[in-house]
C-alpha cells in the first residue's frame, strides 16, 4: 500500500511524449529513450516527494512550485557549443 493513497502521479512519462534532438527530429535509439524515460520518472517522483514534504511542513505550494521552476531554468548545459 502506498504511503500517500491520494498521490495521483502516473508512473511513466506522459503519453505521447517524444524526446527530440536539437534539430527537432525524434530520438530513435531505444536505449537513449529508455534512459530519458527512467530519468523523467525518477525526477518526477523526487519532485513529488519534495512538494509533499514542503506542504506538510507548512510551505506555500505555489512558492515551492515557483522555486522548482526557477531551479530548472537555472540549470546549465555543460555540453553547449560555443556560439
PDB file of N, CA and C in Angstrom:
ATOM      1  N   UNK A   1       0.849  -1.195   0.000  1.00  0.00           N
ATOM      2  CA  UNK A   1       0.000   0.000   0.000  1.00  0.00           C
ATOM      3  C   UNK A   1       0.885   1.245   0.000  1.00  0.00           C
ATOM      4  N   UNK A   2       0.591   2.208  -0.859  1.00  0.00           N
ATOM      5  CA  UNK A   2       1.428   3.405  -0.933  1.00  0.00           C
ATOM      6  C   UNK A   2       1.324   4.256   0.317  1.00  0.00           C
ATOM      7  N   UNK A   3       2.396   5.030   0.574  1.00  0.00           N
ATOM      8  CA  UNK A   3       2.417   5.925   1.730  1.00  0.00           C
ATOM      9  C   UNK A   3       1.348   6.998   1.609  1.00  0.00           C
ATOM     10  N   UNK A   4       1.098   7.454   0.391  1.00  0.00           N
ATOM     11  CA  UNK A   4       0.134   8.522   0.163  1.00  0.00           C
ATOM     12  C   UNK A   4      -0.897   8.051  -0.855  1.00  0.00           C
ATOM     13  N   UNK A   5      -2.020   7.488  -0.388  1.00  0.00           N
ATOM     14  CA  UNK A   5      -3.011   6.970  -1.326  1.00  0.00           C
ATOM     15  C   UNK A   5      -3.595   8.038  -2.231  1.00  0.00           C
ATOM     16  N   UNK A   6      -3.493   9.316  -1.877  1.00  0.00           N
ATOM     17  CA  UNK A   6      -4.007  10.395  -2.703  1.00  0.00           C
ATOM     18  C   UNK A   6      -3.051  10.783  -3.821  1.00  0.00           C
ATOM     19  N   UNK A   7      -1.851  10.201  -3.818  1.00  0.00           N
ATOM     20  CA  UNK A   7      -0.851  10.520  -4.828  1.00  0.00           C
ATOM     21  C   UNK A   7      -1.316   9.987  -6.173  1.00  0.00           C
ATOM     22  N   UNK A   8      -1.629  10.901  -7.108  1.00  0.00           N
ATOM     23  CA  UNK A   8      -2.127  10.507  -8.407  1.00  0.00           C
ATOM     24  C   UNK A   8      -1.060  10.659  -9.502  1.00  0.00           C
ATOM     25  N   UNK A   9       0.199  10.750  -9.112  1.00  0.00           N
ATOM     26  CA  UNK A   9       1.258  10.895 -10.095  1.00  0.00           C
ATOM     27  C   UNK A   9       1.370   9.610 -10.893  1.00  0.00           C
ATOM     28  N   UNK A  10       1.184   9.679 -12.219  1.00  0.00           N
ATOM     29  CA  UNK A  10       1.299   8.465 -13.020  1.00  0.00           C
ATOM     30  C   UNK A  10       2.721   7.924 -13.002  1.00  0.00           C
ATOM     31  N   UNK A  11       2.896   6.610 -13.201  1.00  0.00           N
ATOM     32  CA  UNK A  11       4.216   6.002 -13.066  1.00  0.00           C
ATOM     33  C   UNK A  11       5.189   6.294 -14.196  1.00  0.00           C
ATOM     34  N   UNK A  12       4.730   6.637 -15.378  1.00  0.00           N
ATOM     35  CA  UNK A  12       5.645   6.831 -16.503  1.00  0.00           C
ATOM     36  C   UNK A  12       5.547   8.220 -17.092  1.00  0.00           C
ATOM     37  N   UNK A  13       6.337   8.460 -18.135  1.00  0.00           N
ATOM     38  CA  UNK A  13       6.274   9.759 -18.817  1.00  0.00           C
ATOM     39  C   UNK A  13       4.898   9.978 -19.434  1.00  0.00           C
ATOM     40  N   UNK A  14       4.547  11.215 -19.732  1.00  0.00           N
ATOM     41  CA  UNK A  14       3.254  11.494 -20.341  1.00  0.00           C
ATOM     42  C   UNK A  14       3.074  10.731 -21.645  1.00  0.00           C
ATOM     43  N   UNK A  15       1.887  10.255 -21.873  1.00  0.00           N
ATOM     44  CA  UNK A  15       1.571   9.542 -23.107  1.00  0.00           C
ATOM     45  C   UNK A  15       1.827  10.468 -24.294  1.00  0.00           C
ATOM     46  N   UNK A  16       2.473   9.945 -25.290  1.00  0.00           N
ATOM     47  CA  UNK A  16       2.742  10.739 -26.479  1.00  0.00           C
ATOM     48  C   UNK A  16       4.004  11.580 -26.399  1.00  0.00           C
ATOM     49  N   UNK A  17       4.733  11.513 -25.284  1.00  0.00           N
ATOM     50  CA  UNK A  17       5.976  12.280 -25.174  1.00  0.00           C
ATOM     51  C   UNK A  17       6.987  11.753 -26.184  1.00  0.00           C
ATOM     52  N   UNK A  18       7.548  12.642 -26.980  1.00  0.00           N
ATOM     53  CA  UNK A  18       8.585  12.283 -27.940  1.00  0.00           C
ATOM     54  C   UNK A  18       9.819  13.102 -27.599  1.00  0.00           C
ATOM     55  N   UNK A  19      10.904  12.419 -27.252  1.00  0.00           N
ATOM     56  CA  UNK A  19      12.162  13.102 -26.979  1.00  0.00           C
ATOM     57  C   UNK A  19      12.750  13.529 -28.313  1.00  0.00           C
ATOM     58  N   UNK A  20      13.214  14.775 -28.385  1.00  0.00           N
ATOM     59  CA  UNK A  20      13.693  15.320 -29.654  1.00  0.00           C
ATOM     60  C   UNK A  20      15.147  15.764 -29.572  1.00  0.00           C
ATOM     61  N   UNK A  21      15.816  15.663 -30.710  1.00  0.00           N
ATOM     62  CA  UNK A  21      17.188  16.121 -30.854  1.00  0.00           C
ATOM     63  C   UNK A  21      17.152  17.625 -31.134  1.00  0.00           C
ATOM     64  N   UNK A  22      18.300  18.319 -31.043  1.00  0.00           N
ATOM     65  CA  UNK A  22      18.299  19.770 -31.264  1.00  0.00           C
ATOM     66  C   UNK A  22      17.694  20.207 -32.603  1.00  0.00           C
ATOM     67  N   UNK A  23      17.779  19.358 -33.621  1.00  0.00           N
ATOM     68  CA  UNK A  23      17.216  19.728 -34.919  1.00  0.00           C
ATOM     69  C   UNK A  23      15.723  19.401 -35.030  1.00  0.00           C
ATOM     70  N   UNK A  24      15.142  18.877 -33.938  1.00  0.00           N
ATOM     71  CA  UNK A  24      13.705  18.599 -33.921  1.00  0.00           C
ATOM     72  C   UNK A  24      13.319  17.176 -34.286  1.00  0.00           C
ATOM     73  N   UNK A  25      14.265  16.401 -34.791  1.00  0.00           N
ATOM     74  CA  UNK A  25      13.944  15.023 -35.134  1.00  0.00           C
ATOM     75  C   UNK A  25      13.840  14.185 -33.858  1.00  0.00           C
ATOM     76  N   UNK A  26      12.973  13.180 -33.861  1.00  0.00           N
ATOM     77  CA  UNK A  26      12.812  12.339 -32.671  1.00  0.00           C
ATOM     78  C   UNK A  26      14.073  11.509 -32.390  1.00  0.00           C
ATOM     79  N   UNK A  27      14.351  11.311 -31.108  1.00  0.00           N
ATOM     80  CA  UNK A  27      15.418  10.393 -30.711  1.00  0.00           C
ATOM     81  C   UNK A  27      14.930   8.994 -31.093  1.00  0.00           C
ATOM     82  N   UNK A  28      15.733   8.253 -31.819  1.00  0.00           N
ATOM     83  CA  UNK A  28      15.305   6.955 -32.324  1.00  0.00           C
ATOM     84  C   UNK A  28      15.883   5.780 -31.541  1.00  0.00           C
ATOM     85  N   UNK A  29      17.003   5.977 -30.871  1.00  0.00           N
ATOM     86  CA  UNK A  29      17.669   4.885 -30.153  1.00  0.00           C
ATOM     87  C   UNK A  29      16.846   4.470 -28.934  1.00  0.00           C
ATOM     88  N   UNK A  30      16.470   3.201 -28.901  1.00  0.00           N
ATOM     89  CA  UNK A  30      15.623   2.710 -27.804  1.00  0.00           C
ATOM     90  C   UNK A  30      16.320   2.806 -26.448  1.00  0.00           C
ATOM     91  N   UNK A  31      17.622   2.590 -26.415  1.00  0.00           N
ATOM     92  CA  UNK A  31      18.356   2.694 -25.147  1.00  0.00           C
ATOM     93  C   UNK A  31      18.375   4.130 -24.644  1.00  0.00           C
ATOM     94  N   UNK A  32      18.535   5.102 -25.539  1.00  0.00           N
ATOM     95  CA  UNK A  32      18.506   6.509 -25.134  1.00  0.00           C
ATOM     96  C   UNK A  32      17.126   6.883 -24.605  1.00  0.00           C
ATOM     97  N   UNK A  33      16.100   6.430 -25.295  1.00  0.00           N
ATOM     98  CA  UNK A  33      14.722   6.716 -24.862  1.00  0.00           C
ATOM     99  C   UNK A  33      14.462   6.091 -23.501  1.00  0.00           C
ATOM    100  N   UNK A  34      14.960   4.886 -23.295  1.00  0.00           N
ATOM    101  CA  UNK A  34      14.796   4.207 -22.000  1.00  0.00           C
ATOM    102  C   UNK A  34      15.437   5.023 -20.881  1.00  0.00           C
ATOM    103  N   UNK A  35      16.673   5.520 -21.109  1.00  0.00           N
ATOM    104  CA  UNK A  35      17.371   6.323 -20.096  1.00  0.00           C
ATOM    105  C   UNK A  35      16.608   7.614 -19.826  1.00  0.00           C
ATOM    106  N   UNK A  36      16.171   8.299 -20.890  1.00  0.00           N
ATOM    107  CA  UNK A  36      15.419   9.549 -20.728  1.00  0.00           C
ATOM    108  C   UNK A  36      14.129   9.320 -19.948  1.00  0.00           C
ATOM    109  N   UNK A  37      13.411   8.251 -20.258  1.00  0.00           N
ATOM    110  CA  UNK A  37      12.157   7.954 -19.552  1.00  0.00           C
ATOM    111  C   UNK A  37      12.411   7.594 -18.094  1.00  0.00           C
ATOM    112  N   UNK A  38      13.473   6.833 -17.831  1.00  0.00           N
ATOM    113  CA  UNK A  38      13.801   6.491 -16.441  1.00  0.00           C
ATOM    114  C   UNK A  38      14.161   7.749 -15.652  1.00  0.00           C
ATOM    115  N   UNK A  39      14.946   8.640 -16.253  1.00  0.00           N
ATOM    116  CA  UNK A  39      15.288   9.896 -15.585  1.00  0.00           C
ATOM    117  C   UNK A  39      14.041  10.716 -15.304  1.00  0.00           C
ATOM    118  N   UNK A  40      13.134  10.769 -16.260  1.00  0.00           N
ATOM    119  CA  UNK A  40      11.882  11.509 -16.099  1.00  0.00           C
ATOM    120  C   UNK A  40      11.100  10.985 -14.898  1.00  0.00           C
ATOM    121  N   UNK A  41      10.940   9.665 -14.821  1.00  0.00           N
ATOM    122  CA  UNK A  41      10.175   9.047 -13.727  1.00  0.00           C
ATOM    123  C   UNK A  41      10.844   9.338 -12.384  1.00  0.00           C
ATOM    124  N   UNK A  42      12.162   9.197 -12.312  1.00  0.00           N
ATOM    125  CA  UNK A  42      12.881   9.444 -11.058  1.00  0.00           C
ATOM    126  C   UNK A  42      12.749  10.897 -10.619  1.00  0.00           C
ATOM    127  N   UNK A  43      12.933  11.821 -11.555  1.00  0.00           N
ATOM    128  CA  UNK A  43      12.828  13.245 -11.218  1.00  0.00           C
ATOM    129  C   UNK A  43      11.420  13.616 -10.780  1.00  0.00           C
ATOM    130  N   UNK A  44      10.422  13.100 -11.495  1.00  0.00           N
ATOM    131  CA  UNK A  44       9.052  13.422 -11.117  1.00  0.00           C
ATOM    132  C   UNK A  44       8.745  12.935  -9.703  1.00  0.00           C
ATOM    133  N   UNK A  45       9.185  11.715  -9.372  1.00  0.00           N
ATOM    134  CA  UNK A  45       8.919  11.193  -8.032  1.00  0.00           C
ATOM    135  C   UNK A  45       9.658  11.998  -6.968  1.00  0.00           C
ATOM    136  N   UNK A  46      10.900  12.386  -7.262  1.00  0.00           N
ATOM    137  CA  UNK A  46      11.669  13.186  -6.309  1.00  0.00           C
ATOM    138  C   UNK A  46      11.001  14.544  -6.083  1.00  0.00           C
ATOM    139  N   UNK A  47      10.554  15.172  -7.172  1.00  0.00           N
ATOM    140  CA  UNK A  47       9.867  16.458  -7.042  1.00  0.00           C
ATOM    141  C   UNK A  47       8.536  16.307  -6.315  1.00  0.00           C
ATOM    142  N   UNK A  48       7.812  15.224  -6.592  1.00  0.00           N
ATOM    143  CA  UNK A  48       6.542  14.978  -5.908  1.00  0.00           C
ATOM    144  C   UNK A  48       6.772  14.840  -4.407  1.00  0.00           C
ATOM    145  N   UNK A  49       7.779  14.059  -4.035  1.00  0.00           N
ATOM    146  CA  UNK A  49       8.092  13.868  -2.616  1.00  0.00           C
ATOM    147  C   UNK A  49       8.484  15.187  -1.954  1.00  0.00           C
ATOM    148  N   UNK A  50       9.301  15.982  -2.636  1.00  0.00           N
ATOM    149  CA  UNK A  50       9.738  17.270  -2.079  1.00  0.00           C
ATOM    150  C   UNK A  50       8.560  18.229  -1.935  1.00  0.00           C
ATOM    151  N   UNK A  51       7.654  18.239  -2.911  1.00  0.00           N
ATOM    152  CA  UNK A  51       6.467  19.093  -2.818  1.00  0.00           C
ATOM    153  C   UNK A  51       5.599  18.677  -1.634  1.00  0.00           C
ATOM    154  N   UNK A  52       5.365  17.389  -1.506  1.00  0.00           N
ATOM    155  CA  UNK A  52       4.553  16.901  -0.385  1.00  0.00           C
ATOM    156  C   UNK A  52       5.191  17.240   0.951  1.00  0.00           C
ATOM    157  N   UNK A  53       6.498  17.052   1.069  1.00  0.00           N
ATOM    158  CA  UNK A  53       7.197  17.402   2.312  1.00  0.00           C
ATOM    159  C   UNK A  53       7.009  18.879   2.626  1.00  0.00           C
ATOM    160  N   UNK A  54       7.229  19.728   1.622  1.00  0.00           N
ATOM    161  CA  UNK A  54       7.123  21.170   1.840  1.00  0.00           C
ATOM    162  C   UNK A  54       5.721  21.567   2.287  1.00  0.00           C
ATOM    163  N   UNK A  55       4.699  21.009   1.643  1.00  0.00           N
ATOM    164  CA  UNK A  55       3.317  21.340   2.004  1.00  0.00           C
ATOM    165  C   UNK A  55       3.007  20.843   3.420  1.00  0.00           C
ATOM    166  N   UNK A  56       3.454  19.630   3.740  1.00  0.00           N
ATOM    167  CA  UNK A  56       3.225  19.102   5.086  1.00  0.00           C
ATOM    168  C   UNK A  56       3.952  19.924   6.153  1.00  0.00           C
ATOM    169  N   UNK A  57       5.058  20.556   5.765  1.00  0.00           N
ATOM    170  CA  UNK A  57       5.808  21.398   6.696  1.00  0.00           C
ATOM    171  C   UNK A  57       5.263  22.820   6.759  1.00  0.00           C
ATOM    172  N   UNK A  58       4.193  23.076   6.017  1.00  0.00           N
ATOM    173  CA  UNK A  58       3.513  24.360   6.102  1.00  0.00           C
ATOM    174  C   UNK A  58       3.893  25.377   5.045  1.00  0.00           C
ATOM    175  N   UNK A  59       4.669  24.970   4.044  1.00  0.00           N
ATOM    176  CA  UNK A  59       5.064  25.912   2.988  1.00  0.00           C
ATOM    177  C   UNK A  59       3.939  26.138   1.995  1.00  0.00           C
ATOM    178  N   UNK A  60       4.040  27.250   1.308  1.00  0.00           N
ATOM    179  CA  UNK A  60       3.101  27.579   0.249  1.00  0.00           C
ATOM    180  C   UNK A  60       3.372  26.695  -0.964  1.00  0.00           C
ATOM    181  N   UNK A  61       2.347  25.990  -1.433  1.00  0.00           N
ATOM    182  CA  UNK A  61       2.513  25.141  -2.608  1.00  0.00           C
ATOM    183  C   UNK A  61       2.956  25.958  -3.817  1.00  0.00           C
ATOM    184  N   UNK A  62       2.346  27.123  -4.013  1.00  0.00           N
ATOM    185  CA  UNK A  62       2.691  27.927  -5.188  1.00  0.00           C
ATOM    186  C   UNK A  62       4.138  28.413  -5.123  1.00  0.00           C
ATOM    187  N   UNK A  63       4.619  28.761  -3.931  1.00  0.00           N
ATOM    188  CA  UNK A  63       6.013  29.188  -3.811  1.00  0.00           C
ATOM    189  C   UNK A  63       6.959  28.031  -4.113  1.00  0.00           C
ATOM    190  N   UNK A  64       6.663  26.853  -3.596  1.00  0.00           N
ATOM    191  CA  UNK A  64       7.517  25.690  -3.827  1.00  0.00           C
ATOM    192  C   UNK A  64       7.582  25.381  -5.321  1.00  0.00           C
ATOM    193  N   UNK A  65       6.426  25.423  -5.991  1.00  0.00           N
ATOM    194  CA  UNK A  65       6.405  25.175  -7.438  1.00  0.00           C
ATOM    195  C   UNK A  65       7.241  26.230  -8.181  1.00  0.00           C
ATOM    196  N   UNK A  66       7.158  27.485  -7.736  1.00  0.00           N
ATOM    197  CA  UNK A  66       7.935  28.552  -8.370  1.00  0.00           C
ATOM    198  C   UNK A  66       9.435  28.331  -8.154  1.00  0.00           C
ATOM    199  N   UNK A  67       9.806  27.899  -6.975  1.00  0.00           N
ATOM    200  CA  UNK A  67      11.218  27.632  -6.686  1.00  0.00           C
ATOM    201  C   UNK A  67      11.721  26.481  -7.558  1.00  0.00           C
ATOM    202  N   UNK A  68      10.906  25.433  -7.702  1.00  0.00           N
ATOM    203  CA  UNK A  68      11.295  24.307  -8.563  1.00  0.00           C
ATOM    204  C   UNK A  68      11.475  24.784 -10.004  1.00  0.00           C
ATOM    205  N   UNK A  69      10.544  25.592 -10.500  1.00  0.00           N
ATOM    206  CA  UNK A  69      10.618  26.086 -11.878  1.00  0.00           C
ATOM    207  C   UNK A  69      11.870  26.936 -12.076  1.00  0.00           C
ATOM    208  N   UNK A  70      12.172  27.783 -11.104  1.00  0.00           N
ATOM    209  CA  UNK A  70      13.369  28.626 -11.195  1.00  0.00           C
ATOM    210  C   UNK A  70      14.632  27.769 -11.196  1.00  0.00           C
ATOM    211  N   UNK A  71      14.642  26.731 -10.370  1.00  0.00           N
ATOM    212  CA  UNK A  71      15.793  25.842 -10.307  1.00  0.00           C
ATOM    213  C   UNK A  71      16.028  25.199 -11.675  1.00  0.00           C
ATOM    214  N   UNK A  72      14.977  24.772 -12.332  1.00  0.00           N
ATOM    215  CA  UNK A  72      15.102  24.160 -13.656  1.00  0.00           C
ATOM    216  C   UNK A  72      15.612  25.182 -14.665  1.00  0.00           C
ATOM    217  N   UNK A  73      15.086  26.398 -14.602  1.00  0.00           N
ATOM    218  CA  UNK A  73      15.522  27.451 -15.525  1.00  0.00           C
ATOM    219  C   UNK A  73      17.011  27.774 -15.376  1.00  0.00           C
ATOM    220  N   UNK A  74      17.559  27.594 -14.181  1.00  0.00           N
ATOM    221  CA  UNK A  74      18.959  27.934 -13.917  1.00  0.00           C
ATOM    222  C   UNK A  74      19.930  26.782 -14.186  1.00  0.00           C
ATOM    223  N   UNK A  75      19.424  25.627 -14.568  1.00  0.00           N
ATOM    224  CA  UNK A  75      20.320  24.512 -14.887  1.00  0.00           C
ATOM    225  C   UNK A  75      21.203  24.902 -16.058  1.00  0.00           C
ATOM    226  N   UNK A  76      22.461  24.509 -15.997  1.00  0.00           N
ATOM    227  CA  UNK A  76      23.409  24.841 -17.049  1.00  0.00           C
ATOM    228  C   UNK A  76      23.725  23.609 -17.879  1.00  0.00           C
ATOM    229  N   UNK A  77      23.816  23.800 -19.165  1.00  0.00           N
ATOM    230  CA  UNK A  77      24.192  22.732 -20.084  1.00  0.00           C
ATOM    231  C   UNK A  77      25.713  22.787 -20.293  1.00  0.00           C
ATOM    232  N   UNK A  78      26.461  21.863 -19.713  1.00  0.00           N
ATOM    233  CA  UNK A  78      27.915  21.912 -19.860  1.00  0.00           C
ATOM    234  C   UNK A  78      28.384  21.469 -21.249  1.00  0.00           C
ATOM    235  N   UNK A  79      27.466  20.979 -22.076  1.00  0.00           N
ATOM    236  CA  UNK A  79      27.821  20.477 -23.409  1.00  0.00           C
ATOM    237  C   UNK A  79      27.430  21.440 -24.527  1.00  0.00           C
ATOM    238  N   UNK A  80      26.927  22.604 -24.177  1.00  0.00           N
ATOM    239  CA  UNK A  80      26.501  23.579 -25.184  1.00  0.00           C
ATOM    240  C   UNK A  80      27.704  24.014 -25.996  1.00  0.00           C
ATOM    241  N   UNK A  81      27.493  24.049 -27.309  1.00  0.00           N
ATOM    242  CA  UNK A  81      28.566  24.503 -28.203  1.00  0.00           C
ATOM    243  C   UNK A  81      28.694  26.003 -28.112  1.00  0.00           C
ATOM    244  N   UNK A  82      29.916  26.498 -28.282  1.00  0.00           N
ATOM    245  CA  UNK A  82      30.144  27.950 -28.264  1.00  0.00           C
ATOM    246  C   UNK A  82      29.392  28.603 -29.415  1.00  0.00           C
ATOM    247  N   UNK A  83      28.768  29.721 -29.125  1.00  0.00           N
ATOM    248  CA  UNK A  83      28.000  30.421 -30.155  1.00  0.00           C
ATOM    249  C   UNK A  83      28.813  31.466 -30.851  1.00  0.00           C
TER     250      UNK A  83
END
